[in-house]
Amino acid sequence: MKRLWSAVLLSLTIAVSACGNTSDSTGAGAGGASQELVVAFSTEPVTLDPQDTSDGISNNANELLYDKLVTLDKNNEIVPQLAKEWTTSPDGKKITFKLREDAKFQDGTPVNAEAVKFTFDRVLNKENKLARYSLYAEFIDKVTVDSEFQVSFDLKFPFGPALISFAHTNGGIHSPKNVQEKGKDVGKSPVGSGPYKLKEWTPGTKMVFEANEAYWGGAPKIKTITFKPVTENSARSIMLETGEADVIVPVVTSDVERLKGNDKLKVMIEPSSRNLYISINTAKAPFDNVKARQALNYAVDKETIVNKIMAGQAKVLDAAFGEKIWGHTSVGAYPYDPEKAKQLLAEAGVKPGTTIKLWTPEGRYLMDRQIAEYIQGNLQAVGLNVVFQKWEWGAFQEAIKSPDAEFNLAVNSWGASTNDADWALRPILKTGGASNYAKFSNPALDDMIDKAMKASSQDERKELYSEALALIKEEAPWIFLVEYKQTSGVRNNVEGVYSWSNERLILRDAVKK
């Protein structure tokens, strides 16, 4: 009897295995969906709460889980999503959205005006301390439910980037039921109305999303999408070459040409709104002195970083944000001049051999560690003793946000995801900005940012931002480094993957042959 039962079990195992192999060999699972898409990133998401998200990898995940009122198409143009149409009042201070009536959250509850109001009231409540409070609270006065499927936003002033702010991934609409049940744990247990829902999250190993078969826009073509954190740049490239990964982001510059020569792969090099810079702790001596901060900028050879470390896949930053962002004006890069750097350090009273601390995340930004190590050499060449420290990304974020952070310099990057100068400056350089890691405060700059945000004329805004960029260069709260290009690698049997210029990797339309 035992032998008979064992034989039955073996037969069943073989049958199940055969079915699985058939699915894998054809690339199709239940319902015609491709079985799995594996995406290797340099790190893993931090949170799946869109209003509390400030990093790109989390935003890539949230684009799968959540829908917004409006979104962007492949050409970065604003298009409907949960809102089927909208109108703006003649004075520009009220935007009314009419919602589609067939959308549901992944828990089966309806997406309606109450859910939209709930989501935005939550982020507008300062007591909730959500990371993207400043993105919306600065311009939204109140949210009103007009009817079951109509919601209105009263603005504090006419705000030019309002629609693109709603299209931001941080505008993802929550299931109120889920937030009320999960509370502060909602970032680990998300429920949106997007085409994918969270299936599994094993920190440090993988995050798995499964298709939402009831998605209002139609069931996705891919059955599961798996995010894997792979810090080592060369390891991601090897995973792409062997087929262990279907998509990798980013592609390390030293591997681009080799991967381009592989006929099973394609390398996408696209414009980016992201720049790399080093935050200078302006609240801590010796860099509370502007001459010392300017000296750092003269000490760093940006051209070599672009040509050697980045292999030409970047350009020297000529302002506090790059040319792909509306409102950009070139104010010129600091030239490489070590003698000028030494002179300014002496004028600032910084003695040769002064010890400073340089922090960098490991593998979070393209070539971040390599660039930081090169800059360490540049700064030591002008007489500074640079203590270098690498961090895992999550620990880096926690450490740099601390009011008692002990760094002098920290490698940072910012992608203005609204592609507008307001969001390129306000969170990172205005006094008290949520991502102002330089702890920089300048009343004149604050005034320019405020006036530009509220100006009704685009020409007036542009002029104010031009003045602001000139002031920022003079005050040098950062070492201004490079403007990135975004690179991703995709296997040829994968279609429908693309990036917006704000570096969101869009996977919801992916198809695997």
Protein backbone atom coordinates (compact mmCIF):
# COMPACT_ATOMS: atom_id res chain seq x y z
CA MET A 1 0.00 0.00 0.00
CA LYS A 2 2.88 2.36 0.90
CA ARG A 3 4.53 1.64 -2.44
CA LEU A 4 1.27 2.29 -4.28
CA TRP A 5 0.76 5.60 -2.46
CA SER A 6 4.35 6.60 -3.18
CA ALA A 7 3.81 5.83 -6.85
CA VAL A 8 0.67 7.98 -6.90
CA LEU A 9 2.55 10.87 -5.27
CA LEU A 10 5.40 10.52 -7.75
CA SER A 11 2.96 10.54 -10.67
CA LEU A 12 1.26 13.65 -9.34
CA THR A 13 4.62 15.38 -8.82
CA ILE A 14 5.70 14.59 -12.37
CA ALA A 15 2.37 15.78 -13.75
CA VAL A 16 2.54 19.07 -11.84
CA SER A 17 6.17 19.52 -12.84
CA ALA A 18 5.30 18.86 -16.47
CA CYS A 19 2.53 21.45 -16.35
CA GLY A 20 4.94 23.94 -14.81
CA ASN A 21 7.57 23.24 -17.44
CA THR A 22 5.03 23.67 -20.22
CA SER A 23 4.09 27.06 -18.80
CA ASP A 24 7.70 28.14 -18.48
CA SER A 25 8.72 26.89 -21.92
CA THR A 26 5.92 28.78 -23.63
CA GLY A 27 6.45 31.83 -21.44
CA ALA A 28 2.77 31.91 -20.57
CA GLY A 29 0.91 31.21 -17.38
CA ALA A 30 -2.76 31.21 -16.44
CA GLY A 31 -4.90 33.57 -18.46
CA GLY A 32 -2.18 33.98 -21.10
CA ALA A 33 0.01 36.11 -18.80
CA SER A 34 3.79 35.66 -19.10
CA GLN A 35 5.12 33.88 -16.05
CA GLU A 36 7.65 36.25 -14.46
CA LEU A 37 9.67 39.40 -15.07
CA VAL A 38 12.79 39.83 -12.91
CA VAL A 39 14.16 43.33 -12.42
CA ALA A 40 17.51 43.95 -10.70
CA PHE A 41 18.00 47.35 -9.08
CA SER A 42 20.97 48.78 -7.20
CA THR A 43 18.96 48.68 -3.96
CA GLU A 44 15.47 47.80 -2.71
CA PRO A 45 12.37 49.89 -2.02
CA VAL A 46 12.16 51.60 1.36
CA THR A 47 8.39 51.98 1.67
CA LEU A 48 5.26 51.30 -0.38
CA ASP A 49 3.37 54.31 0.95
CA PRO A 50 3.49 56.77 -1.96
CA GLN A 51 2.98 59.87 0.19
CA ASP A 52 5.91 58.84 2.41
CA THR A 53 8.27 57.91 -0.43
CA SER A 54 11.33 59.94 -1.36
CA ASP A 55 13.49 57.42 -3.24
CA GLY A 56 13.27 56.30 -6.84
CA ILE A 57 13.20 52.53 -6.28
CA SER A 58 10.18 52.81 -3.98
CA ASN A 59 8.50 55.02 -6.55
CA ASN A 60 9.12 52.40 -9.25
CA ALA A 61 7.30 49.88 -7.06
CA ASN A 62 4.49 52.28 -6.24
CA GLU A 63 3.83 52.88 -9.95
CA LEU A 64 2.82 49.20 -10.13
CA LEU A 65 0.61 49.28 -7.04
CA TYR A 66 -1.19 52.60 -7.23
CA ASP A 67 -3.07 54.69 -9.75
CA LYS A 68 -3.20 58.49 -9.61
CA LEU A 69 -5.69 61.08 -10.80
CA VAL A 70 -3.52 61.74 -13.85
CA THR A 71 -0.28 60.23 -15.12
CA LEU A 72 2.29 60.61 -17.88
CA ASP A 73 2.49 58.84 -21.21
CA LYS A 74 5.67 57.67 -22.95
CA ASN A 75 6.30 61.23 -24.13
CA ASN A 76 5.99 62.67 -20.62
CA GLU A 77 2.65 64.29 -21.48
CA ILE A 78 -0.11 64.42 -18.85
CA VAL A 79 -2.95 61.97 -19.57
CA PRO A 80 -6.00 60.70 -17.62
CA GLN A 81 -5.77 57.81 -15.19
CA LEU A 82 -8.36 57.65 -12.38
CA ALA A 83 -9.68 61.03 -13.52
CA LYS A 84 -11.31 60.86 -16.94
CA GLU A 85 -11.39 64.66 -17.29
CA TRP A 86 -10.66 67.84 -15.33
CA THR A 87 -11.26 71.57 -15.45
CA THR A 88 -9.43 74.55 -13.96
CA SER A 89 -11.28 77.66 -12.79
CA PRO A 90 -10.60 80.95 -14.65
CA ASP A 91 -8.57 82.30 -11.71
CA GLY A 92 -6.46 79.13 -11.64
CA LYS A 93 -7.25 78.45 -7.99
CA LYS A 94 -9.55 75.44 -8.33
CA ILE A 95 -9.13 72.15 -10.19
CA THR A 96 -12.09 69.76 -10.49
CA PHE A 97 -11.63 66.11 -11.44
CA LYS A 98 -14.34 63.78 -12.74
CA LEU A 99 -13.41 60.21 -11.89
CA ARG A 100 -13.94 57.05 -13.87
CA GLU A 101 -16.66 54.92 -12.27
CA ASP A 102 -15.32 51.41 -12.90
CA ALA A 103 -12.13 51.46 -10.82
CA LYS A 104 -11.77 49.42 -7.65
CA PHE A 105 -9.02 48.98 -5.12
CA GLN A 106 -7.32 45.61 -4.81
CA ASP A 107 -9.44 44.93 -1.69
CA GLY A 108 -12.63 45.33 -3.75
CA THR A 109 -13.63 48.74 -2.35
CA PRO A 110 -14.55 51.50 -4.82
CA VAL A 111 -12.21 54.23 -6.00
CA ASN A 112 -14.32 57.34 -5.47
CA ALA A 113 -14.08 60.98 -4.46
CA GLU A 114 -14.03 60.04 -0.78
CA ALA A 115 -10.92 57.91 -1.35
CA VAL A 116 -9.18 60.77 -3.16
CA LYS A 117 -10.04 63.21 -0.37
CA PHE A 118 -8.92 60.68 2.27
CA THR A 119 -5.56 60.21 0.55
CA PHE A 120 -4.79 63.90 0.20
CA ASP A 121 -6.17 64.91 3.60
CA ARG A 122 -3.78 62.36 5.08
CA VAL A 123 -0.69 63.85 3.41
CA LEU A 124 -1.86 67.44 4.07
CA ASN A 125 -2.06 66.71 7.79
CA LYS A 126 1.33 67.85 9.10
CA GLU A 127 0.91 65.71 12.22
CA ASN A 128 1.23 62.59 10.05
CA LYS A 129 4.79 63.66 9.19
CA LEU A 130 4.71 62.14 5.71
CA ALA A 131 7.73 62.78 3.50
CA ARG A 132 5.72 64.39 0.72
CA TYR A 133 3.78 66.81 2.90
CA SER A 134 5.63 69.76 1.35
CA LEU A 135 4.95 68.61 -2.23
CA TYR A 136 1.20 69.11 -1.75
CA ALA A 137 0.66 71.23 1.38
CA GLU A 138 2.40 74.25 -0.12
CA PHE A 139 -0.27 74.73 -2.79
CA ILE A 140 -3.42 72.76 -1.81
CA ASP A 141 -5.82 74.58 0.50
CA LYS A 142 -8.61 71.99 0.79
CA VAL A 143 -10.15 68.97 -0.92
CA THR A 144 -13.92 68.74 -1.44
CA VAL A 145 -16.12 65.79 -2.39
CA ASP A 146 -18.61 67.24 -4.90
CA SER A 147 -20.32 63.92 -5.61
CA GLU A 148 -19.45 60.23 -5.56
CA PHE A 149 -17.19 60.56 -8.58
CA GLN A 150 -16.23 64.24 -8.58
CA VAL A 151 -13.61 65.87 -6.37
CA SER A 152 -12.30 69.44 -6.26
CA PHE A 153 -9.04 70.93 -5.05
CA ASP A 154 -8.99 74.54 -3.88
CA LEU A 155 -5.48 75.94 -4.28
CA LYS A 156 -3.83 78.58 -2.14
CA PHE A 157 -2.68 80.36 -5.30
CA PRO A 158 -2.52 79.57 -9.03
CA PHE A 159 0.23 76.94 -9.23
CA GLY A 160 1.73 76.18 -12.63
CA PRO A 161 3.04 72.67 -11.81
CA ALA A 162 -0.20 71.54 -10.09
CA LEU A 163 -1.17 68.89 -12.65
CA ILE A 164 2.33 67.46 -12.92
CA SER A 165 2.37 67.25 -9.11
CA PHE A 166 -0.80 65.14 -9.23
CA ALA A 167 0.88 62.98 -11.91
CA HIS A 168 3.83 62.43 -9.55
CA THR A 169 4.05 58.90 -8.14
CA ASN A 170 3.53 60.45 -4.69
CA GLY A 171 -0.07 61.16 -5.79
CA GLY A 172 -1.03 57.45 -5.70
CA ILE A 173 -4.51 56.92 -4.22
CA HIS A 174 -4.84 54.64 -1.19
CA SER A 175 -7.67 52.34 -0.19
CA PRO A 176 -9.05 54.17 2.90
CA LYS A 177 -10.13 50.82 4.35
CA ASN A 178 -6.59 49.49 4.18
CA VAL A 179 -4.99 52.60 5.68
CA GLN A 180 -7.48 52.58 8.55
CA GLU A 181 -6.73 48.92 9.23
CA LYS A 182 -2.94 49.01 8.79
CA GLY A 183 -2.15 52.47 10.18
CA LYS A 184 1.58 53.16 10.19
CA ASP A 185 2.27 49.73 8.66
CA VAL A 186 0.58 50.68 5.39
CA GLY A 187 4.00 51.10 3.75
CA LYS A 188 4.56 47.37 4.22
CA SER A 189 1.00 46.27 3.42
CA PRO A 190 -0.17 48.46 0.53
CA VAL A 191 -3.51 48.43 -1.28
CA GLY A 192 -3.92 50.63 -4.32
CA SER A 193 -5.93 50.33 -7.51
CA GLY A 194 -3.00 49.59 -9.82
CA PRO A 195 -2.36 46.60 -12.10
CA TYR A 196 -0.20 44.79 -9.55
CA LYS A 197 -0.50 43.96 -5.85
CA LEU A 198 2.19 43.03 -3.35
CA LYS A 199 2.60 39.28 -2.97
CA GLU A 200 5.82 38.97 -0.98
CA TRP A 201 8.53 41.18 0.51
CA THR A 202 11.67 39.51 1.82
CA PRO A 203 13.88 42.43 2.89
CA GLY A 204 17.31 42.35 1.30
CA THR A 205 16.33 39.56 -1.08
CA LYS A 206 13.27 40.26 -3.21
CA MET A 207 9.92 41.97 -3.57
CA VAL A 208 7.29 40.14 -5.62
CA PHE A 209 4.21 41.70 -7.25
CA GLU A 210 1.39 39.63 -8.70
CA ALA A 211 -1.04 40.63 -11.42
CA ASN A 212 -4.30 42.23 -10.36
CA GLU A 213 -6.61 40.22 -12.61
CA ALA A 214 -9.52 42.55 -11.76
CA TYR A 215 -7.64 45.69 -12.81
CA TRP A 216 -10.00 48.23 -14.40
CA GLY A 217 -7.55 48.76 -17.27
CA GLY A 218 -7.41 45.04 -18.06
CA ALA A 219 -5.32 42.24 -16.55
CA PRO A 220 -1.53 42.74 -16.97
CA LYS A 221 0.39 40.60 -19.45
CA ILE A 222 3.05 39.60 -16.89
CA LYS A 223 1.91 37.31 -14.06
CA THR A 224 4.56 38.32 -11.51
CA ILE A 225 7.20 41.04 -11.37
CA THR A 226 10.10 40.47 -8.98
CA PHE A 227 12.40 43.26 -7.78
CA LYS A 228 15.85 42.10 -6.63
CA PRO A 229 18.37 44.38 -4.91
CA VAL A 230 21.83 43.85 -6.44
CA THR A 231 24.34 46.37 -5.15
CA GLU A 232 27.30 45.18 -7.18
CA ASN A 233 27.19 46.83 -10.63
CA SER A 234 28.93 44.02 -12.52
CA ALA A 235 26.65 41.42 -10.92
CA ARG A 236 23.58 43.14 -12.40
CA SER A 237 25.15 43.08 -15.85
CA ILE A 238 25.97 39.39 -15.56
CA MET A 239 22.39 38.65 -14.47
CA LEU A 240 21.13 40.37 -17.60
CA GLU A 241 23.54 38.47 -19.84
CA THR A 242 22.66 35.09 -18.37
CA GLY A 243 18.91 35.76 -18.34
CA GLU A 244 18.69 35.64 -14.55
CA ALA A 245 17.31 39.17 -14.83
CA ASP A 246 15.11 40.52 -17.62
CA VAL A 247 15.73 44.19 -16.81
CA ILE A 248 18.52 45.93 -14.88
CA VAL A 249 18.78 49.51 -13.61
CA PRO A 250 21.20 51.16 -13.79
CA VAL A 251 23.77 49.78 -16.23
CA VAL A 252 27.24 50.63 -14.97
CA THR A 253 29.07 52.83 -17.47
CA SER A 254 32.00 50.40 -17.86
CA ASP A 255 29.61 47.67 -19.07
CA VAL A 256 27.55 49.67 -21.57
CA GLU A 257 29.61 48.98 -24.69
CA ARG A 258 29.95 45.27 -23.92
CA LEU A 259 26.22 44.88 -23.37
CA LYS A 260 25.44 46.83 -26.52
CA GLY A 261 27.37 44.18 -28.45
CA ASN A 262 25.11 41.38 -27.18
CA ASP A 263 22.35 40.68 -29.71
CA LYS A 264 20.09 39.30 -26.97
CA LEU A 265 20.01 42.62 -25.12
CA LYS A 266 19.30 46.28 -25.60
CA VAL A 267 20.72 49.16 -23.58
CA MET A 268 18.49 52.20 -23.25
CA ILE A 269 20.26 55.51 -22.61
CA GLU A 270 17.65 58.18 -22.00
CA PRO A 271 17.52 61.81 -20.82
CA SER A 272 17.28 62.28 -17.09
CA SER A 273 16.24 65.01 -14.70
CA ARG A 274 18.65 63.64 -12.07
CA ASN A 275 21.85 65.32 -10.94
CA LEU A 276 24.58 64.15 -8.57
CA TYR A 277 26.04 66.50 -5.98
CA ILE A 278 27.70 66.49 -2.59
CA SER A 279 25.77 68.11 0.24
CA ILE A 280 28.08 70.31 2.31
CA ASN A 281 27.05 70.49 5.96
CA THR A 282 26.74 74.28 6.15
CA ALA A 283 25.79 74.17 9.84
CA LYS A 284 29.14 72.65 10.86
CA ALA A 285 32.61 74.23 10.81
CA PRO A 286 34.60 74.71 8.70
CA PHE A 287 31.95 74.79 5.97
CA ASP A 288 29.74 77.36 7.62
CA ASN A 289 32.15 79.67 5.79
CA VAL A 290 31.18 80.29 2.17
CA LYS A 291 34.82 80.58 1.03
CA ALA A 292 35.52 77.08 2.33
CA ARG A 293 32.51 75.76 0.39
CA GLN A 294 33.62 77.50 -2.80
CA ALA A 295 37.08 76.03 -2.30
CA LEU A 296 35.66 72.50 -2.42
CA ASN A 297 34.07 73.25 -5.79
CA TYR A 298 37.37 74.49 -7.23
CA ALA A 299 39.15 71.42 -5.81
CA VAL A 300 37.07 68.83 -7.68
CA ASP A 301 37.86 67.87 -11.29
CA LYS A 302 34.37 67.35 -12.74
CA GLU A 303 35.57 66.88 -16.33
CA THR A 304 37.59 63.81 -15.36
CA ILE A 305 34.59 62.41 -13.50
CA VAL A 306 32.49 62.75 -16.67
CA ASN A 307 35.09 61.51 -19.15
CA LYS A 308 36.83 58.78 -17.16
CA ILE A 309 34.54 57.50 -14.42
CA MET A 310 31.24 58.07 -16.26
CA ALA A 311 32.67 57.27 -19.73
CA GLY A 312 30.91 60.33 -21.17
CA GLN A 313 27.45 59.24 -20.02
CA ALA A 314 26.90 62.38 -17.97
CA LYS A 315 27.70 66.07 -18.27
CA VAL A 316 29.16 68.60 -15.87
CA LEU A 317 26.37 70.29 -13.92
CA ASP A 318 26.21 73.97 -14.86
CA ALA A 319 23.51 74.91 -12.31
CA ALA A 320 21.80 73.43 -9.26
CA PHE A 321 19.57 71.41 -11.61
CA GLY A 322 19.94 70.12 -15.14
CA GLU A 323 18.77 71.37 -18.50
CA LYS A 324 15.91 68.85 -18.81
CA ILE A 325 14.04 70.63 -16.02
CA TRP A 326 11.81 73.59 -16.84
CA GLY A 327 13.32 76.80 -15.46
CA HIS A 328 16.96 75.82 -16.04
CA THR A 329 19.48 78.53 -16.78
CA SER A 330 23.19 77.85 -17.10
CA VAL A 331 25.14 79.83 -14.50
CA GLY A 332 28.40 78.05 -15.27
CA ALA A 333 30.35 75.33 -13.53
CA TYR A 334 33.20 75.99 -11.13
CA PRO A 335 36.43 75.32 -13.06
CA TYR A 336 39.00 72.88 -11.72
CA ASP A 337 41.55 75.09 -9.97
CA PRO A 338 43.37 73.44 -7.02
CA GLU A 339 45.49 76.54 -6.35
CA LYS A 340 42.37 78.69 -6.06
CA ALA A 341 40.93 76.06 -3.71
CA LYS A 342 44.01 76.25 -1.46
CA GLN A 343 43.83 80.05 -1.44
CA LEU A 344 40.16 80.10 -0.41
CA LEU A 345 40.70 77.47 2.27
CA ALA A 346 43.48 79.62 3.73
CA GLU A 347 41.28 82.74 3.61
CA ALA A 348 38.55 80.78 5.43
CA GLY A 349 41.04 79.82 8.15
CA VAL A 350 41.06 76.11 7.28
CA LYS A 351 44.47 74.74 8.21
CA PRO A 352 46.24 72.10 6.10
CA GLY A 353 45.56 68.63 7.50
CA THR A 354 42.09 69.53 8.77
CA THR A 355 40.05 66.31 9.06
CA ILE A 356 36.64 66.16 7.39
CA LYS A 357 34.15 63.29 6.99
CA LEU A 358 32.88 62.24 3.56
CA TRP A 359 29.90 59.86 3.47
CA THR A 360 28.54 57.98 0.48
CA PRO A 361 25.92 55.28 -0.07
CA GLU A 362 27.21 52.12 -1.70
CA GLY A 363 25.71 51.52 -5.14
CA ARG A 364 22.62 53.70 -4.72
CA TYR A 365 23.56 56.12 -7.49
CA LEU A 366 25.49 55.25 -10.62
CA MET A 367 29.22 55.13 -9.83
CA ASP A 368 28.61 56.89 -6.49
CA ARG A 369 31.37 55.12 -4.54
CA GLN A 370 33.89 55.48 -7.36
CA ILE A 371 33.13 59.19 -7.73
CA ALA A 372 33.34 59.72 -3.97
CA GLU A 373 36.71 57.95 -3.80
CA TYR A 374 38.02 60.12 -6.64
CA ILE A 375 36.79 63.28 -4.87
CA GLN A 376 38.49 62.11 -1.69
CA GLY A 377 41.77 62.23 -3.63
CA ASN A 378 40.98 65.69 -5.05
CA LEU A 379 40.33 67.10 -1.58
CA GLN A 380 43.39 65.50 -0.04
CA ALA A 381 45.45 67.09 -2.84
CA VAL A 382 44.48 70.55 -1.56
CA GLY A 383 45.47 69.70 2.01
CA LEU A 384 42.40 68.19 3.66
CA ASN A 385 42.45 64.90 5.55
CA VAL A 386 39.35 63.10 4.28
CA VAL A 387 37.85 60.27 6.33
CA PHE A 388 35.80 58.19 3.91
CA GLN A 389 32.76 56.13 4.98
CA LYS A 390 30.48 53.91 2.85
CA TRP A 391 26.92 53.15 3.93
CA GLU A 392 24.14 50.74 3.05
CA TRP A 393 21.35 52.84 1.55
CA GLY A 394 18.75 52.51 4.32
CA ALA A 395 21.30 53.27 7.05
CA PHE A 396 22.64 56.19 5.01
CA GLN A 397 19.19 57.74 4.75
CA GLU A 398 18.59 57.44 8.47
CA ALA A 399 22.02 58.83 9.37
CA ILE A 400 21.93 61.81 7.04
CA LYS A 401 18.48 62.89 8.25
CA SER A 402 19.59 63.03 11.87
CA PRO A 403 19.81 66.57 13.32
CA ASP A 404 23.10 65.47 14.90
CA ALA A 405 24.60 64.02 11.71
CA GLU A 406 28.38 64.22 11.92
CA PHE A 407 29.25 64.33 8.23
CA ASN A 408 30.90 67.30 6.54
CA LEU A 409 30.18 66.05 3.02
CA ALA A 410 27.62 63.53 1.80
CA VAL A 411 27.02 62.21 -1.71
CA ASN A 412 23.45 62.96 -2.76
CA SER A 413 21.31 62.96 -5.85
CA TRP A 414 18.03 64.58 -6.76
CA GLY A 415 15.73 63.89 -9.66
CA ALA A 416 13.11 66.61 -9.90
CA SER A 417 10.30 64.21 -10.64
CA THR A 418 7.84 66.95 -11.63
CA ASN A 419 10.39 68.20 -14.20
CA ASP A 420 9.80 71.70 -12.84
CA ALA A 421 12.20 74.09 -11.10
CA ASP A 422 9.94 74.38 -8.06
CA TRP A 423 10.46 70.77 -7.03
CA ALA A 424 14.08 70.92 -8.18
CA LEU A 425 14.85 73.53 -5.48
CA ARG A 426 12.19 73.80 -2.78
CA PRO A 427 12.65 70.43 -0.98
CA ILE A 428 16.45 70.48 -1.08
CA LEU A 429 17.58 74.10 -0.70
CA LYS A 430 14.79 76.05 0.97
CA THR A 431 15.19 76.53 4.72
CA GLY A 432 13.76 73.48 6.47
CA GLY A 433 13.24 71.55 3.22
CA ALA A 434 12.56 67.84 3.79
CA SER A 435 15.65 66.85 1.78
CA ASN A 436 17.84 69.85 2.61
CA TYR A 437 20.72 67.70 3.87
CA ALA A 438 23.14 70.62 3.52
CA LYS A 439 21.16 72.32 6.31
CA PHE A 440 21.37 75.42 4.13
CA SER A 441 19.40 78.53 5.00
CA ASN A 442 19.35 81.74 3.01
CA PRO A 443 16.39 84.16 3.40
CA ALA A 444 16.95 85.72 -0.03
CA LEU A 445 16.80 82.31 -1.71
CA ASP A 446 13.71 81.36 0.33
CA ASP A 447 12.02 84.53 -0.91
CA MET A 448 12.87 83.79 -4.55
CA ILE A 449 11.55 80.23 -4.29
CA ASP A 450 8.31 81.43 -2.67
CA LYS A 451 7.74 84.18 -5.25
CA ALA A 452 8.47 81.84 -8.16
CA MET A 453 6.08 79.22 -6.81
CA LYS A 454 3.24 81.75 -6.60
CA ALA A 455 3.96 83.79 -9.75
CA SER A 456 1.19 83.62 -12.36
CA SER A 457 3.52 84.38 -15.28
CA GLN A 458 5.90 81.71 -16.55
CA ASP A 459 8.31 84.45 -17.68
CA GLU A 460 8.37 85.85 -14.14
CA ARG A 461 8.97 82.37 -12.73
CA LYS A 462 11.83 81.78 -15.16
CA GLU A 463 13.51 85.06 -14.21
CA LEU A 464 13.23 84.31 -10.51
CA TYR A 465 14.71 80.85 -10.96
CA SER A 466 17.58 82.31 -12.98
CA GLU A 467 18.38 84.66 -10.09
CA ALA A 468 18.04 81.79 -7.62
CA LEU A 469 20.48 79.58 -9.54
CA ALA A 470 23.07 82.38 -9.61
CA LEU A 471 22.72 82.86 -5.85
CA ILE A 472 23.00 79.11 -5.19
CA LYS A 473 26.22 78.93 -7.21
CA GLU A 474 27.70 81.82 -5.21
CA GLU A 475 26.67 80.37 -1.84
CA ALA A 476 27.88 76.88 -2.81
CA PRO A 477 25.85 74.69 -0.41
CA TRP A 478 26.95 71.71 -2.54
CA ILE A 479 29.85 70.49 -4.57
CA PHE A 480 28.10 70.62 -7.95
CA LEU A 481 28.98 67.47 -9.88
CA VAL A 482 27.16 65.94 -12.86
CA GLU A 483 23.87 65.70 -14.67
CA TYR A 484 23.09 62.02 -15.21
CA LYS A 485 21.73 60.13 -18.15
CA GLN A 486 19.55 57.15 -17.19
CA THR A 487 20.66 53.76 -18.43
CA SER A 488 18.77 50.50 -18.26
CA GLY A 489 19.35 47.09 -19.79
CA VAL A 490 16.52 44.96 -21.17
CA ARG A 491 16.52 41.52 -22.77
CA ASN A 492 15.18 41.47 -26.31
CA ASN A 493 12.25 39.20 -25.47
CA VAL A 494 10.82 41.94 -23.23
CA GLU A 495 8.76 44.78 -24.68
CA GLY A 496 6.78 47.67 -23.24
CA VAL A 497 9.40 48.78 -20.69
CA TYR A 498 10.31 52.47 -20.76
CA SER A 499 11.37 55.34 -18.50
CA TRP A 500 10.07 58.82 -17.94
CA SER A 501 12.67 61.60 -17.80
CA ASN A 502 12.10 61.72 -14.03
CA GLU A 503 13.60 58.21 -13.91
CA ARG A 504 10.46 56.26 -13.15
CA LEU A 505 10.90 52.83 -14.75
CA ILE A 506 7.46 51.94 -16.10
CA LEU A 507 6.80 48.19 -16.05
CA ARG A 508 3.01 47.99 -15.95
CA ASP A 509 2.76 47.56 -19.75
CA ALA A 510 5.58 45.01 -20.02
CA VAL A 511 5.18 41.97 -22.25
CA LYS A 512 7.54 38.98 -22.27
CA LYS A 513 7.74 36.85 -25.38
